[in-house]
PDB file of all heavy atoms in Angstrom:
ATOM      1  N   GLU A   1       3.284  15.388  -0.871  1.00  0.00           N
ATOM      2  CA  GLU A   1       2.080  16.268  -0.736  1.00  0.00           C
ATOM      3  C   GLU A   1       0.879  15.475  -0.228  1.00  0.00           C
ATOM      4  O   GLU A   1       0.079  15.986   0.557  1.00  0.00           O
ATOM      5  CB  GLU A   1       1.795  16.918  -2.047  1.00  0.00           C
ATOM      6  CG  GLU A   1       0.749  18.037  -1.965  1.00  0.00           C
ATOM      7  CD  GLU A   1       0.578  18.788  -3.240  1.00  0.00           C
ATOM      8  OE1 GLU A   1       1.619  19.142  -3.841  1.00  0.00           O
ATOM      9  OE2 GLU A   1      -0.541  19.047  -3.583  1.00  0.00           O
ATOM     10  N   ASP A   2       0.745  14.190  -0.669  1.00  0.00           N
ATOM     11  CA  ASP A   2      -0.407  13.411  -0.328  1.00  0.00           C
ATOM     12  C   ASP A   2      -0.114  12.135   0.461  1.00  0.00           C
ATOM     13  O   ASP A   2      -1.018  11.352   0.709  1.00  0.00           O
ATOM     14  CB  ASP A   2      -1.226  13.043  -1.590  1.00  0.00           C
ATOM     15  CG  ASP A   2      -0.402  12.170  -2.538  1.00  0.00           C
ATOM     16  OD1 ASP A   2       0.823  12.044  -2.351  1.00  0.00           O
ATOM     17  OD2 ASP A   2      -1.034  11.567  -3.389  1.00  0.00           O
ATOM     18  N   SER A   3       1.121  11.946   0.830  1.00  0.00           N
ATOM     19  CA  SER A   3       1.459  10.680   1.552  1.00  0.00           C
ATOM     20  C   SER A   3       2.802  10.766   2.231  1.00  0.00           C
ATOM     21  O   SER A   3       3.548  11.722   2.068  1.00  0.00           O
ATOM     22  CB  SER A   3       1.479   9.503   0.552  1.00  0.00           C
ATOM     23  OG  SER A   3       2.552   9.682  -0.321  1.00  0.00           O
ATOM     24  N   ILE A   4       3.071   9.728   3.001  1.00  0.00           N
ATOM     25  CA  ILE A   4       4.358   9.496   3.572  1.00  0.00           C
ATOM     26  C   ILE A   4       4.854   8.111   3.121  1.00  0.00           C
ATOM     27  O   ILE A   4       4.077   7.123   3.234  1.00  0.00           O
ATOM     28  CB  ILE A   4       4.370   9.509   5.149  1.00  0.00           C
ATOM     29  CG1 ILE A   4       3.903  10.894   5.629  1.00  0.00           C
ATOM     30  CG2 ILE A   4       5.726   9.087   5.704  1.00  0.00           C
ATOM     31  CD1 ILE A   4       3.658  10.907   7.144  1.00  0.00           C
ATOM     32  N   ARG A   5       6.050   8.097   2.526  1.00  0.00           N
ATOM     33  CA  ARG A   5       6.585   6.772   2.108  1.00  0.00           C
ATOM     34  C   ARG A   5       7.710   6.377   3.030  1.00  0.00           C
ATOM     35  O   ARG A   5       8.624   7.126   3.314  1.00  0.00           O
ATOM     36  CB  ARG A   5       7.097   6.889   0.655  1.00  0.00           C
ATOM     37  CG  ARG A   5       7.687   5.531   0.148  1.00  0.00           C
ATOM     38  CD  ARG A   5       8.174   5.658  -1.275  1.00  0.00           C
ATOM     39  NE  ARG A   5       7.029   5.897  -2.121  1.00  0.00           N
ATOM     40  CZ  ARG A   5       7.084   6.517  -3.280  1.00  0.00           C
ATOM     41  NH1 ARG A   5       8.234   6.916  -3.717  1.00  0.00           N
ATOM     42  NH2 ARG A   5       5.988   6.702  -3.988  1.00  0.00           N
ATOM     43  N   VAL A   6       7.621   5.114   3.472  1.00  0.00           N
ATOM     44  CA  VAL A   6       8.668   4.547   4.405  1.00  0.00           C
ATOM     45  C   VAL A   6       9.374   3.419   3.643  1.00  0.00           C
ATOM     46  O   VAL A   6       8.717   2.530   3.148  1.00  0.00           O
ATOM     47  CB  VAL A   6       8.030   4.055   5.654  1.00  0.00           C
ATOM     48  CG1 VAL A   6       9.100   3.466   6.565  1.00  0.00           C
ATOM     49  CG2 VAL A   6       7.214   5.128   6.383  1.00  0.00           C
ATOM     50  N   ARG A   7      10.711   3.558   3.578  1.00  0.00           N
ATOM     51  CA  ARG A   7      11.516   2.525   2.934  1.00  0.00           C
ATOM     52  C   ARG A   7      12.624   2.057   3.876  1.00  0.00           C
ATOM     53  O   ARG A   7      13.095   2.838   4.662  1.00  0.00           O
ATOM     54  CB  ARG A   7      12.158   3.075   1.659  1.00  0.00           C
ATOM     55  CG  ARG A   7      11.117   3.504   0.592  1.00  0.00           C
ATOM     56  CD  ARG A   7      11.710   3.966  -0.654  1.00  0.00           C
ATOM     57  NE  ARG A   7      12.529   5.137  -0.484  1.00  0.00           N
ATOM     58  CZ  ARG A   7      13.445   5.527  -1.367  1.00  0.00           C
ATOM     59  NH1 ARG A   7      13.616   4.921  -2.531  1.00  0.00           N
ATOM     60  NH2 ARG A   7      14.159   6.623  -1.144  1.00  0.00           N
ATOM     61  N   LEU A   8      12.919   0.808   3.767  1.00  0.00           N
ATOM     62  CA  LEU A   8      14.023   0.189   4.543  1.00  0.00           C
ATOM     63  C   LEU A   8      15.107  -0.217   3.576  1.00  0.00           C
ATOM     64  O   LEU A   8      14.792  -0.739   2.530  1.00  0.00           O
ATOM     65  CB  LEU A   8      13.552  -0.990   5.371  1.00  0.00           C
ATOM     66  CG  LEU A   8      12.409  -0.737   6.368  1.00  0.00           C
ATOM     67  CD1 LEU A   8      12.066  -2.063   7.092  1.00  0.00           C
ATOM     68  CD2 LEU A   8      12.872   0.245   7.408  1.00  0.00           C
ATOM     69  N   ARG A   9      16.345  -0.020   3.954  1.00  0.00           N
ATOM     70  CA  ARG A   9      17.461  -0.545   3.185  1.00  0.00           C
ATOM     71  C   ARG A   9      17.799  -1.937   3.742  1.00  0.00           C
ATOM     72  O   ARG A   9      18.227  -2.083   4.863  1.00  0.00           O
ATOM     73  CB  ARG A   9      18.696   0.312   3.227  1.00  0.00           C
ATOM     74  CG  ARG A   9      19.810  -0.140   2.282  1.00  0.00           C
ATOM     75  CD  ARG A   9      20.992   0.766   2.260  1.00  0.00           C
ATOM     76  NE  ARG A   9      20.668   2.159   1.974  1.00  0.00           N
ATOM     77  CZ  ARG A   9      20.463   2.685   0.747  1.00  0.00           C
ATOM     78  NH1 ARG A   9      20.547   1.909  -0.301  1.00  0.00           N
ATOM     79  NH2 ARG A   9      20.175   3.965   0.697  1.00  0.00           N
ATOM     80  N   ILE A  10      17.521  -2.970   2.952  1.00  0.00           N
ATOM     81  CA  ILE A  10      17.779  -4.327   3.363  1.00  0.00           C
ATOM     82  C   ILE A  10      18.692  -4.945   2.317  1.00  0.00           C
ATOM     83  O   ILE A  10      18.395  -4.968   1.090  1.00  0.00           O
ATOM     84  CB  ILE A  10      16.416  -5.100   3.348  1.00  0.00           C
ATOM     85  CG1 ILE A  10      15.423  -4.426   4.374  1.00  0.00           C
ATOM     86  CG2 ILE A  10      16.668  -6.574   3.767  1.00  0.00           C
ATOM     87  CD1 ILE A  10      14.031  -4.934   4.256  1.00  0.00           C
ATOM     88  N   LEU A  11      19.836  -5.418   2.848  1.00  0.00           N
ATOM     89  CA  LEU A  11      20.883  -5.973   1.975  1.00  0.00           C
ATOM     90  C   LEU A  11      21.222  -5.048   0.844  1.00  0.00           C
ATOM     91  O   LEU A  11      21.397  -5.451  -0.352  1.00  0.00           O
ATOM     92  CB  LEU A  11      20.447  -7.339   1.438  1.00  0.00           C
ATOM     93  CG  LEU A  11      20.214  -8.428   2.493  1.00  0.00           C
ATOM     94  CD1 LEU A  11      19.643  -9.727   1.907  1.00  0.00           C
ATOM     95  CD2 LEU A  11      21.466  -8.725   3.254  1.00  0.00           C
ATOM     96  N   GLY A  12      21.324  -3.757   1.133  1.00  0.00           N
ATOM     97  CA  GLY A  12      21.744  -2.729   0.120  1.00  0.00           C
ATOM     98  C   GLY A  12      20.631  -2.228  -0.782  1.00  0.00           C
ATOM     99  O   GLY A  12      20.874  -1.314  -1.517  1.00  0.00           O
ATOM    100  N   GLU A  13      19.466  -2.745  -0.666  1.00  0.00           N
ATOM    101  CA  GLU A  13      18.380  -2.337  -1.581  1.00  0.00           C
ATOM    102  C   GLU A  13      17.259  -1.636  -0.750  1.00  0.00           C
ATOM    103  O   GLU A  13      16.790  -2.130   0.307  1.00  0.00           O
ATOM    104  CB  GLU A  13      17.769  -3.571  -2.271  1.00  0.00           C
ATOM    105  CG  GLU A  13      16.741  -3.177  -3.315  1.00  0.00           C
ATOM    106  CD  GLU A  13      16.292  -4.419  -4.064  1.00  0.00           C
ATOM    107  OE1 GLU A  13      17.099  -5.313  -4.239  1.00  0.00           O
ATOM    108  OE2 GLU A  13      15.111  -4.430  -4.525  1.00  0.00           O
ATOM    109  N   LEU A  14      16.778  -0.498  -1.297  1.00  0.00           N
ATOM    110  CA  LEU A  14      15.689   0.194  -0.657  1.00  0.00           C
ATOM    111  C   LEU A  14      14.394  -0.483  -0.992  1.00  0.00           C
ATOM    112  O   LEU A  14      14.083  -0.620  -2.214  1.00  0.00           O
ATOM    113  CB  LEU A  14      15.692   1.724  -1.053  1.00  0.00           C
ATOM    114  CG  LEU A  14      16.669   2.608  -0.321  1.00  0.00           C
ATOM    115  CD1 LEU A  14      16.646   4.004  -0.937  1.00  0.00           C
ATOM    116  CD2 LEU A  14      16.350   2.694   1.124  1.00  0.00           C
ATOM    117  N   CYS A  15      13.618  -0.841  -0.007  1.00  0.00           N
ATOM    118  CA  CYS A  15      12.359  -1.516  -0.206  1.00  0.00           C
ATOM    119  C   CYS A  15      11.231  -0.634   0.418  1.00  0.00           C
ATOM    120  O   CYS A  15      11.378  -0.308   1.618  1.00  0.00           O
ATOM    121  CB  CYS A  15      12.363  -2.913   0.418  1.00  0.00           C
ATOM    122  SG  CYS A  15      13.707  -3.926  -0.071  1.00  0.00           S
ATOM    123  N   ILE A  16      10.180  -0.356  -0.323  1.00  0.00           N
ATOM    124  CA  ILE A  16       9.064   0.280   0.240  1.00  0.00           C
ATOM    125  C   ILE A  16       8.294  -0.637   1.216  1.00  0.00           C
ATOM    126  O   ILE A  16       7.924  -1.753   0.772  1.00  0.00           O
ATOM    127  CB  ILE A  16       8.101   0.784  -0.844  1.00  0.00           C
ATOM    128  CG1 ILE A  16       8.782   1.840  -1.735  1.00  0.00           C
ATOM    129  CG2 ILE A  16       6.842   1.388  -0.243  1.00  0.00           C
ATOM    130  CD1 ILE A  16       7.975   2.281  -2.942  1.00  0.00           C
ATOM    131  N   VAL A  17       8.158  -0.246   2.440  1.00  0.00           N
ATOM    132  CA  VAL A  17       7.493  -1.073   3.408  1.00  0.00           C
ATOM    133  C   VAL A  17       6.140  -0.533   3.803  1.00  0.00           C
ATOM    134  O   VAL A  17       5.327  -1.280   4.323  1.00  0.00           O
ATOM    135  CB  VAL A  17       8.322  -1.407   4.667  1.00  0.00           C
ATOM    136  CG1 VAL A  17       9.566  -2.221   4.301  1.00  0.00           C
ATOM    137  CG2 VAL A  17       8.707  -0.094   5.346  1.00  0.00           C
ATOM    138  N   GLN A  18       5.905   0.742   3.572  1.00  0.00           N
ATOM    139  CA  GLN A  18       4.686   1.376   4.009  1.00  0.00           C
ATOM    140  C   GLN A  18       4.474   2.692   3.250  1.00  0.00           C
ATOM    141  O   GLN A  18       5.435   3.452   3.051  1.00  0.00           O
ATOM    142  CB  GLN A  18       4.707   1.644   5.470  1.00  0.00           C
ATOM    143  CG  GLN A  18       3.382   2.054   6.065  1.00  0.00           C
ATOM    144  CD  GLN A  18       3.433   2.129   7.604  1.00  0.00           C
ATOM    145  OE1 GLN A  18       4.511   2.159   8.201  1.00  0.00           O
ATOM    146  NE2 GLN A  18       2.322   2.163   8.207  1.00  0.00           N
ATOM    147  N   GLU A  19       3.235   2.930   2.863  1.00  0.00           N
ATOM    148  CA  GLU A  19       2.837   4.269   2.329  1.00  0.00           C
ATOM    149  C   GLU A  19       1.654   4.644   3.146  1.00  0.00           C
ATOM    150  O   GLU A  19       0.710   3.901   3.277  1.00  0.00           O
ATOM    151  CB  GLU A  19       2.527   4.233   0.850  1.00  0.00           C
ATOM    152  CG  GLU A  19       3.844   4.023   0.078  1.00  0.00           C
ATOM    153  CD  GLU A  19       3.696   4.457  -1.346  1.00  0.00           C
ATOM    154  OE1 GLU A  19       3.596   5.666  -1.609  1.00  0.00           O
ATOM    155  OE2 GLU A  19       3.766   3.581  -2.260  1.00  0.00           O
ATOM    156  N   ILE A  20       1.680   5.864   3.707  1.00  0.00           N
ATOM    157  CA  ILE A  20       0.679   6.316   4.593  1.00  0.00           C
ATOM    158  C   ILE A  20      -0.128   7.403   3.849  1.00  0.00           C
ATOM    159  O   ILE A  20       0.422   8.507   3.555  1.00  0.00           O
ATOM    160  CB  ILE A  20       1.268   6.926   5.904  1.00  0.00           C
ATOM    161  CG1 ILE A  20       2.070   5.773   6.584  1.00  0.00           C
ATOM    162  CG2 ILE A  20       0.166   7.420   6.809  1.00  0.00           C
ATOM    163  CD1 ILE A  20       2.934   6.251   7.703  1.00  0.00           C
ATOM    164  N   PHE A  21      -1.417   7.118   3.594  1.00  0.00           N
ATOM    165  CA  PHE A  21      -2.295   8.047   2.885  1.00  0.00           C
ATOM    166  C   PHE A  21      -3.362   8.457   3.894  1.00  0.00           C
ATOM    167  O   PHE A  21      -4.497   8.019   3.829  1.00  0.00           O
ATOM    168  CB  PHE A  21      -2.925   7.374   1.697  1.00  0.00           C
ATOM    169  CG  PHE A  21      -1.962   7.042   0.585  1.00  0.00           C
ATOM    170  CD1 PHE A  21      -1.474   5.748   0.495  1.00  0.00           C
ATOM    171  CD2 PHE A  21      -1.567   8.007  -0.334  1.00  0.00           C
ATOM    172  CE1 PHE A  21      -0.590   5.401  -0.521  1.00  0.00           C
ATOM    173  CE2 PHE A  21      -0.643   7.642  -1.328  1.00  0.00           C
ATOM    174  CZ  PHE A  21      -0.195   6.389  -1.433  1.00  0.00           C
ATOM    175  N   GLU A  22      -3.063   9.262   4.870  1.00  0.00           N
ATOM    176  CA  GLU A  22      -3.952   9.786   5.822  1.00  0.00           C
ATOM    177  C   GLU A  22      -4.205  11.272   5.581  1.00  0.00           C
ATOM    178  O   GLU A  22      -3.633  11.805   4.622  1.00  0.00           O
ATOM    179  CB  GLU A  22      -3.366   9.623   7.257  1.00  0.00           C
ATOM    180  CG  GLU A  22      -3.181   8.184   7.684  1.00  0.00           C
ATOM    181  CD  GLU A  22      -4.500   7.454   7.975  1.00  0.00           C
ATOM    182  OE1 GLU A  22      -5.524   8.155   8.131  1.00  0.00           O
ATOM    183  OE2 GLU A  22      -4.500   6.223   8.061  1.00  0.00           O
ATOM    184  N   THR A  23      -5.012  11.910   6.366  1.00  0.00           N
ATOM    185  CA  THR A  23      -5.254  13.321   6.224  1.00  0.00           C
ATOM    186  C   THR A  23      -3.964  14.115   6.417  1.00  0.00           C
ATOM    187  O   THR A  23      -3.059  13.599   7.087  1.00  0.00           O
ATOM    188  CB  THR A  23      -6.305  13.829   7.201  1.00  0.00           C
ATOM    189  OG1 THR A  23      -5.757  13.707   8.533  1.00  0.00           O
ATOM    190  CG2 THR A  23      -7.654  13.048   7.085  1.00  0.00           C
ATOM    191  N   PRO A  24      -3.838  15.264   5.876  1.00  0.00           N
ATOM    192  CA  PRO A  24      -2.683  16.134   6.098  1.00  0.00           C
ATOM    193  C   PRO A  24      -2.372  16.313   7.610  1.00  0.00           C
ATOM    194  O   PRO A  24      -1.162  16.275   8.026  1.00  0.00           O
ATOM    195  CB  PRO A  24      -3.017  17.432   5.430  1.00  0.00           C
ATOM    196  CG  PRO A  24      -3.950  17.086   4.348  1.00  0.00           C
ATOM    197  CD  PRO A  24      -4.800  15.983   4.925  1.00  0.00           C
ATOM    198  N   GLU A  25      -3.430  16.493   8.389  1.00  0.00           N
ATOM    199  CA  GLU A  25      -3.218  16.648   9.848  1.00  0.00           C
ATOM    200  C   GLU A  25      -2.573  15.426  10.472  1.00  0.00           C
ATOM    201  O   GLU A  25      -1.614  15.508  11.282  1.00  0.00           O
ATOM    202  CB  GLU A  25      -4.552  16.962  10.499  1.00  0.00           C
ATOM    203  CG  GLU A  25      -4.445  17.135  12.021  1.00  0.00           C
ATOM    204  CD  GLU A  25      -5.800  17.323  12.645  1.00  0.00           C
ATOM    205  OE1 GLU A  25      -6.414  18.363  12.501  1.00  0.00           O
ATOM    206  OE2 GLU A  25      -6.290  16.318  13.291  1.00  0.00           O
ATOM    207  N   ILE A  26      -3.077  14.274  10.132  1.00  0.00           N
ATOM    208  CA  ILE A  26      -2.485  13.035  10.652  1.00  0.00           C
ATOM    209  C   ILE A  26      -1.066  12.849  10.222  1.00  0.00           C
ATOM    210  O   ILE A  26      -0.184  12.436  11.010  1.00  0.00           O
ATOM    211  CB  ILE A  26      -3.378  11.778  10.347  1.00  0.00           C
ATOM    212  CG1 ILE A  26      -4.672  11.934  11.147  1.00  0.00           C
ATOM    213  CG2 ILE A  26      -2.631  10.486  10.665  1.00  0.00           C
ATOM    214  CD1 ILE A  26      -5.712  10.830  10.828  1.00  0.00           C
ATOM    215  N   ARG A  27      -0.816  13.071   8.893  1.00  0.00           N
ATOM    216  CA  ARG A  27       0.562  12.886   8.382  1.00  0.00           C
ATOM    217  C   ARG A  27       1.537  13.835   9.095  1.00  0.00           C
ATOM    218  O   ARG A  27       2.664  13.494   9.500  1.00  0.00           O
ATOM    219  CB  ARG A  27       0.579  13.160   6.863  1.00  0.00           C
ATOM    220  CG  ARG A  27      -0.126  12.035   6.102  1.00  0.00           C
ATOM    221  CD  ARG A  27       0.195  12.088   4.633  1.00  0.00           C
ATOM    222  NE  ARG A  27       0.151  13.382   4.029  1.00  0.00           N
ATOM    223  CZ  ARG A  27      -0.905  13.973   3.454  1.00  0.00           C
ATOM    224  NH1 ARG A  27      -2.033  13.288   3.394  1.00  0.00           N
ATOM    225  NH2 ARG A  27      -0.836  15.168   2.896  1.00  0.00           N
ATOM    226  N   THR A  28       1.134  15.135   9.325  1.00  0.00           N
ATOM    227  CA  THR A  28       1.959  16.068   9.986  1.00  0.00           C
ATOM    228  C   THR A  28       2.208  15.598  11.419  1.00  0.00           C
ATOM    229  O   THR A  28       3.363  15.695  11.931  1.00  0.00           O
ATOM    230  CB  THR A  28       1.324  17.479  10.007  1.00  0.00           C
ATOM    231  OG1 THR A  28       1.209  17.879   8.594  1.00  0.00           O
ATOM    232  CG2 THR A  28       2.129  18.492  10.760  1.00  0.00           C
ATOM    233  N   THR A  29       1.195  15.135  12.095  1.00  0.00           N
ATOM    234  CA  THR A  29       1.351  14.660  13.472  1.00  0.00           C
ATOM    235  C   THR A  29       2.268  13.432  13.561  1.00  0.00           C
ATOM    236  O   THR A  29       3.081  13.305  14.453  1.00  0.00           O
ATOM    237  CB  THR A  29      -0.026  14.355  14.106  1.00  0.00           C
ATOM    238  OG1 THR A  29      -0.844  15.537  13.969  1.00  0.00           O
ATOM    239  CG2 THR A  29       0.111  13.947  15.565  1.00  0.00           C
ATOM    240  N   LEU A  30       2.158  12.506  12.553  1.00  0.00           N
ATOM    241  CA  LEU A  30       3.047  11.406  12.496  1.00  0.00           C
ATOM    242  C   LEU A  30       4.492  11.838  12.366  1.00  0.00           C
ATOM    243  O   LEU A  30       5.420  11.304  13.092  1.00  0.00           O
ATOM    244  CB  LEU A  30       2.649  10.430  11.340  1.00  0.00           C
ATOM    245  CG  LEU A  30       1.561   9.464  11.591  1.00  0.00           C
ATOM    246  CD1 LEU A  30       1.091   8.877  10.241  1.00  0.00           C
ATOM    247  CD2 LEU A  30       1.971   8.418  12.569  1.00  0.00           C
ATOM    248  N   ILE A  31       4.766  12.776  11.497  1.00  0.00           N
ATOM    249  CA  ILE A  31       6.126  13.222  11.273  1.00  0.00           C
ATOM    250  C   ILE A  31       6.588  13.938  12.547  1.00  0.00           C
ATOM    251  O   ILE A  31       7.747  13.769  12.997  1.00  0.00           O
ATOM    252  CB  ILE A  31       6.206  14.142  10.052  1.00  0.00           C
ATOM    253  CG1 ILE A  31       5.995  13.359   8.780  1.00  0.00           C
ATOM    254  CG2 ILE A  31       7.557  14.904  10.000  1.00  0.00           C
ATOM    255  CD1 ILE A  31       7.028  12.280   8.451  1.00  0.00           C
TER     256      ILE A  31
END
């Protein structure tokens, strides 16, 4: 609802690499 979370699976483990807390408009445009 308030962010986009980006995770990468590295050596079998999911690692959070980025959390995007922009406006809803920017998040929708990113997606």
